[in-house]
Every structure is written in structure tokens, then in C-alpha cells.
C-alpha atoms as a PDB file:
ATOM      1  CA  MET A   1      44.505  23.017  -0.394  1.00  0.00           C
ATOM      2  CA  SER A   2      43.783  21.581  -3.828  1.00  0.00           C
ATOM      3  CA  LEU A   3      40.545  21.888  -5.721  1.00  0.00           C
ATOM      4  CA  ALA A   4      39.783  18.169  -5.323  1.00  0.00           C
ATOM      5  CA  THR A   5      40.334  18.297  -1.553  1.00  0.00           C
ATOM      6  CA  GLY A   6      38.028  21.299  -1.275  1.00  0.00           C
ATOM      7  CA  PHE A   7      35.384  19.583  -3.380  1.00  0.00           C
ATOM      8  CA  TRP A   8      35.463  16.345  -1.371  1.00  0.00           C
ATOM      9  CA  GLY A   9      35.431  18.286   1.888  1.00  0.00           C
ATOM     10  CA  THR A  10      32.344  20.185   0.733  1.00  0.00           C
ATOM     11  CA  ALA A  11      30.691  16.975  -0.483  1.00  0.00           C
ATOM     12  CA  ARG A  12      31.395  15.296   2.866  1.00  0.00           C
ATOM     13  CA  GLY A  13      29.936  18.310   4.663  1.00  0.00           C
ATOM     14  CA  LEU A  14      26.767  18.192   2.553  1.00  0.00           C
ATOM     15  CA  ARG A  15      26.461  14.440   3.022  1.00  0.00           C
ATOM     16  CA  HIS A  16      26.582  14.868   6.807  1.00  0.00           C
ATOM     17  CA  LEU A  17      24.473  18.023   6.902  1.00  0.00           C
ATOM     18  CA  HIS A  18      22.053  16.376   9.333  1.00  0.00           C
ATOM     19  CA  GLU A  19      24.883  16.193  11.885  1.00  0.00           C
ATOM     20  CA  ASN A  20      25.807  19.895  11.657  1.00  0.00           C
ATOM     21  CA  PRO A  21      24.802  21.515  15.006  1.00  0.00           C
ATOM     22  CA  ALA A  22      23.873  24.831  13.370  1.00  0.00           C
ATOM     23  CA  VAL A  23      21.580  23.132  10.856  1.00  0.00           C
ATOM     24  CA  VAL A  24      19.952  20.995  13.563  1.00  0.00           C
ATOM     25  CA  ALA A  25      19.382  24.051  15.781  1.00  0.00           C
ATOM     26  CA  ARG A  26      17.816  26.013  12.914  1.00  0.00           C
ATOM     27  CA  TRP A  27      15.599  23.053  11.962  1.00  0.00           C
ATOM     28  CA  ARG A  28      14.392  22.688  15.554  1.00  0.00           C
ATOM     29  CA  ALA A  29      13.614  26.412  15.725  1.00  0.00           C
ATOM     30  CA  TRP A  30      11.512  26.239  12.560  1.00  0.00           C
ATOM     31  CA  THR A  31       9.668  22.978  13.226  1.00  0.00           C
ATOM     32  CA  GLY A  32       9.606  22.944  17.033  1.00  0.00           C
ATOM     33  CA  PRO A  33       6.018  24.206  17.469  1.00  0.00           C
ATOM     34  CA  LEU A  34       4.697  21.778  14.864  1.00  0.00           C
ATOM     35  CA  LEU A  35       6.606  18.763  16.177  1.00  0.00           C
ATOM     36  CA  SER A  36       5.523  19.432  19.755  1.00  0.00           C
ATOM     37  CA  ARG A  37       1.907  18.952  18.627  1.00  0.00           C
ATOM     38  CA  LEU A  38       2.611  15.970  16.382  1.00  0.00           C
ATOM     39  CA  THR A  39       3.319  13.364  19.022  1.00  0.00           C
ATOM     40  CA  PRO A  40       4.009   9.795  17.847  1.00  0.00           C
ATOM     41  CA  PRO A  41       0.413   8.618  18.460  1.00  0.00           C
ATOM     42  CA  ARG A  42      -0.919  11.570  16.463  1.00  0.00           C
ATOM     43  CA  ARG A  43       1.563  10.885  13.654  1.00  0.00           C
ATOM     44  CA  ARG A  44       0.469   7.236  13.559  1.00  0.00           C
ATOM     45  CA  ALA A  45      -3.179   8.310  13.447  1.00  0.00           C
ATOM     46  CA  LEU A  46      -2.482  10.697  10.552  1.00  0.00           C
ATOM     47  CA  LEU A  47      -0.600   7.979   8.671  1.00  0.00           C
ATOM     48  CA  ALA A  48      -3.449   5.525   9.286  1.00  0.00           C
ATOM     49  CA  LEU A  49      -6.022   8.019   7.986  1.00  0.00           C
ATOM     50  CA  GLY A  50      -3.897   8.683   4.911  1.00  0.00           C
ATOM     51  CA  ALA A  51      -3.494   4.953   4.291  1.00  0.00           C
ATOM     52  CA  LEU A  52      -7.228   4.393   4.698  1.00  0.00           C
ATOM     53  CA  TYR A  53      -7.916   7.168   2.204  1.00  0.00           C
ATOM     54  CA  MET A  54      -5.479   5.596  -0.276  1.00  0.00           C
ATOM     55  CA  VAL A  55      -6.824   2.054   0.130  1.00  0.00           C
ATOM     56  CA  VAL A  56     -10.354   3.263  -0.628  1.00  0.00           C
ATOM     57  CA  ARG A  57      -9.810   6.085  -3.109  1.00  0.00           C
ATOM     58  CA  ARG A  58      -7.111   4.620  -5.360  1.00  0.00           C
ATOM     59  CA  PRO A  59      -8.808   1.327  -6.341  1.00  0.00           C
ATOM     60  CA  LEU A  60     -12.151   3.041  -6.873  1.00  0.00           C
ATOM     61  CA  LYS A  61     -10.560   5.763  -9.007  1.00  0.00           C
ATOM     62  CA  GLU A  62      -8.729   3.213 -11.158  1.00  0.00           C
ATOM     63  CA  MET A  63     -11.833   1.042 -11.533  1.00  0.00           C
ATOM     64  CA  ALA A  64     -14.235   3.904 -12.324  1.00  0.00           C
ATOM     65  CA  PRO A  65     -13.794   3.934 -16.132  1.00  0.00           C
ATOM     66  CA  ALA A  66     -14.172   0.153 -16.427  1.00  0.00           C
ATOM     67  CA  VAL A  67     -17.099  -0.406 -14.051  1.00  0.00           C
ATOM     68  CA  ASP A  68     -20.665   0.253 -15.118  1.00  0.00           C
ATOM     69  CA  VAL A  69     -22.322   1.591 -11.968  1.00  0.00           C
ATOM     70  CA  ARG A  70     -25.778   0.849 -13.398  1.00  0.00           C
ATOM     71  CA  SER A  71     -25.118  -2.886 -13.533  1.00  0.00           C
ATOM     72  CA  PRO A  72     -25.774  -4.902 -10.378  1.00  0.00           C
ATOM     73  CA  ALA A  73     -22.124  -5.852 -10.011  1.00  0.00           C
ATOM     74  CA  GLY A  74     -20.739  -2.317 -10.500  1.00  0.00           C
ATOM     75  CA  PRO A  75     -20.809  -1.098  -6.901  1.00  0.00           C
ATOM     76  CA  LEU A  76     -20.192  -4.657  -5.690  1.00  0.00           C
ATOM     77  CA  ALA A  77     -16.927  -4.844  -7.625  1.00  0.00           C
ATOM     78  CA  GLY A  78     -15.611  -1.650  -6.036  1.00  0.00           C
ATOM     79  CA  ALA A  79     -16.687  -2.713  -2.567  1.00  0.00           C
ATOM     80  CA  LEU A  80     -15.089  -6.131  -3.065  1.00  0.00           C
ATOM     81  CA  VAL A  81     -11.741  -4.643  -4.094  1.00  0.00           C
ATOM     82  CA  VAL A  82     -11.706  -2.255  -1.121  1.00  0.00           C
ATOM     83  CA  LEU A  83     -12.702  -5.077   1.227  1.00  0.00           C
ATOM     84  CA  LEU A  84      -9.946  -7.338  -0.100  1.00  0.00           C
ATOM     85  CA  CYS A  85      -7.374  -4.546   0.360  1.00  0.00           C
ATOM     86  CA  LEU A  86      -8.484  -4.103   3.965  1.00  0.00           C
ATOM     87  CA  VAL A  87      -8.363  -7.869   4.559  1.00  0.00           C
ATOM     88  CA  VAL A  88      -4.764  -8.007   3.302  1.00  0.00           C
ATOM     89  CA  VAL A  89      -3.808  -5.118   5.592  1.00  0.00           C
ATOM     90  CA  ALA A  90      -5.512  -6.806   8.548  1.00  0.00           C
ATOM     91  CA  LEU A  91      -3.755 -10.123   7.860  1.00  0.00           C
ATOM     92  CA  VAL A  92      -0.346  -8.463   7.666  1.00  0.00           C
ATOM     93  CA  TYR A  93      -1.082  -6.590  10.899  1.00  0.00           C
ATOM     94  CA  LEU A  94      -2.142  -9.777  12.687  1.00  0.00           C
ATOM     95  CA  ALA A  95       0.947 -11.605  11.435  1.00  0.00           C
ATOM     96  CA  ALA A  96       3.160  -8.818  12.771  1.00  0.00           C
ATOM     97  CA  ARG A  97       1.276  -8.710  16.057  1.00  0.00           C
ATOM     98  CA  ARG A  98       1.596 -12.463  16.595  1.00  0.00           C
ATOM     99  CA  PHE A  99       5.082 -12.752  15.134  1.00  0.00           C
ATOM    100  CA  ALA A 100       6.362 -14.920  17.992  1.00  0.00           C
ATOM    101  CA  SER A 101       3.665 -17.541  17.351  1.00  0.00           C
ATOM    102  CA  LEU A 102       4.407 -17.851  13.625  1.00  0.00           C
ATOM    103  CA  PRO A 103       6.207 -20.999  12.429  1.00  0.00           C
ATOM    104  CA  ALA A 104       9.991 -20.909  12.768  1.00  0.00           C
ATOM    105  CA  MET A 105      10.358 -21.133   9.001  1.00  0.00           C
ATOM    106  CA  VAL A 106       8.388 -17.879   8.584  1.00  0.00           C
ATOM    107  CA  ARG A 107      10.096 -16.156  11.529  1.00  0.00           C
ATOM    108  CA  GLY A 108      13.493 -16.911  10.005  1.00  0.00           C
ATOM    109  CA  ARG A 109      12.802 -14.992   6.794  1.00  0.00           C
ATOM    110  CA  PRO A 110       9.681 -12.842   7.256  1.00  0.00           C
ATOM    111  CA  GLN A 111      10.350 -10.525   4.318  1.00  0.00           C
ATOM    112  CA  LEU A 112      10.677 -13.473   1.974  1.00  0.00           C
ATOM    113  CA  TRP A 113       7.268 -14.787   3.047  1.00  0.00           C
ATOM    114  CA  LEU A 114       5.643 -11.350   2.950  1.00  0.00           C
ATOM    115  CA  HIS A 115       6.928 -10.645  -0.543  1.00  0.00           C
ATOM    116  CA  GLY A 116       6.052 -14.183  -1.630  1.00  0.00           C
ATOM    117  CA  GLY A 117       2.471 -13.607  -0.510  1.00  0.00           C
ATOM    118  CA  PHE A 118       2.393 -10.289  -2.350  1.00  0.00           C
ATOM    119  CA  TRP A 119       3.651 -11.844  -5.577  1.00  0.00           C
ATOM    120  CA  ALA A 120       1.164 -14.719  -5.211  1.00  0.00           C
ATOM    121  CA  ILE A 121      -1.643 -12.128  -5.118  1.00  0.00           C
ATOM    122  CA  VAL A 122      -0.187 -10.342  -8.165  1.00  0.00           C
ATOM    123  CA  ILE A 123       0.077 -13.611 -10.119  1.00  0.00           C
ATOM    124  CA  LEU A 124      -3.447 -14.607  -9.113  1.00  0.00           C
ATOM    125  CA  GLY A 125      -4.733 -11.236 -10.323  1.00  0.00           C
ATOM    126  CA  TRP A 126      -2.853 -11.691 -13.582  1.00  0.00           C
ATOM    127  CA  LEU A 127      -4.260 -15.191 -14.162  1.00  0.00           C
ATOM    128  CA  VAL A 128      -7.913 -14.215 -13.620  1.00  0.00           C
ATOM    129  CA  PRO A 129      -9.351 -13.102 -16.977  1.00  0.00           C
ATOM    130  CA  ASP A 130     -10.726  -9.582 -17.202  1.00  0.00           C
ATOM    131  CA  SER A 131     -14.114 -10.839 -18.379  1.00  0.00           C
ATOM    132  CA  GLY A 132     -14.384 -13.533 -15.722  1.00  0.00           C
ATOM    133  CA  GLY A 133     -14.344 -13.621 -11.990  1.00  0.00           C
ATOM    134  CA  VAL A 134     -16.931 -13.399  -9.268  1.00  0.00           C
ATOM    135  CA  VAL A 135     -18.600 -10.164 -10.327  1.00  0.00           C
ATOM    136  CA  ALA A 136     -18.677 -10.566 -14.122  1.00  0.00           C
ATOM    137  CA  VAL A 137     -22.239  -9.754 -15.168  1.00  0.00           C
ATOM    138  CA  ALA A 138     -23.686  -8.947 -18.576  1.00  0.00           C
ATOM    139  CA  ASP A 139     -25.759  -5.829 -19.194  1.00  0.00           C
ATOM    140  CA  ASP A 140     -29.009  -7.719 -18.713  1.00  0.00           C
ATOM    141  CA  GLY A 141     -27.918  -9.167 -15.374  1.00  0.00           C
ATOM    142  CA  ALA A 142     -27.202 -12.675 -16.634  1.00  0.00           C
ATOM    143  CA  PRO A 143     -23.882 -14.224 -15.554  1.00  0.00           C
ATOM    144  CA  VAL A 144     -21.171 -14.131 -18.188  1.00  0.00           C
ATOM    145  CA  GLY A 145     -19.779 -17.528 -19.077  1.00  0.00           C
ATOM    146  CA  PRO A 146     -19.152 -19.949 -21.913  1.00  0.00           C
ATOM    147  CA  PRO A 147     -22.100 -20.569 -24.241  1.00  0.00           C
ATOM    148  CA  ASN A 148     -24.398 -23.419 -23.326  1.00  0.00           C
ATOM    149  CA  ASN A 149     -24.164 -26.048 -26.080  1.00  0.00           C
ATOM    150  CA  ASP A 150     -26.460 -28.657 -24.516  1.00  0.00           C
ATOM    151  CA  THR A 151     -28.979 -28.531 -27.373  1.00  0.00           C
END
């Protein structure tokens, strides 16, 4: 047997390690007690709790340096971002749940429409100026906007 044949045989064996009966038996022995308690509904619940933690914690952590909590819009801005994240998740869930009732054009290429919606949100977020938007408020509580030149 040549060196190259031995190398490729070893590489093939490592690539298909998940099919090796000895490895599978050892893995089941180590993780069996844990996996017997982590049934699919429990795994889904853990994933949902982790996702909920991420959808609340991550935006608030990233916004914390830029948001003045003392201003009236400070806590409102964080709550609005978290609420919008949850609305997007709920809309995607409802679309998946009612997939059969979606238009045929959407059913034909669902990933294209899902990613298109995502990129529309990204572009919308990019087009909104940092100093503008719904919750832009000055330090004294007055709305931020262009100067009034009516005089």
C-alpha cells in the first residue's frame, strides 16, 4: 500500500466517522442519559428560550452606549427595537404556519421572498438617518427636526 492510498483511506475514514459503529456506540454511551431527558419538545423549548434571550439582550446591549436612558425616548427606543424583532419573528412563523395559503408565486420560491424581506428591512434601516426616526428627541424633550424658518 502506498503512502497516498493510506492517506486517502484515513481521510475517508475520518470523513465518515459518524458512520463508524464503534464511534456511534461510544457516543451513545456518553450522551445517552442526557439525550433521554432532552426530548424534542424540551429541545425546542430550550432553543426558544435561547432565541428569546438573544432577541431581547443583543439589541439592548448594542443600543446601550448610544441611548440616553434619562431622555423620554431612551427606554422607548429599546422597547421598540425588541418589539419589532418579535413582530418579525411572529410574521415569519405565521407565514410558515400558513404556507399552503400563501400566493403561488411565494410558495414557488419561499427563500427568495424571505431573504428579499430581510434585505428590504436592512435597506430601510440603512436609509433612515441616525438622528431621525420615530424616537429622535433632543435633551430637552423637544422633537428633533429641521429648523423652523417661518419668521
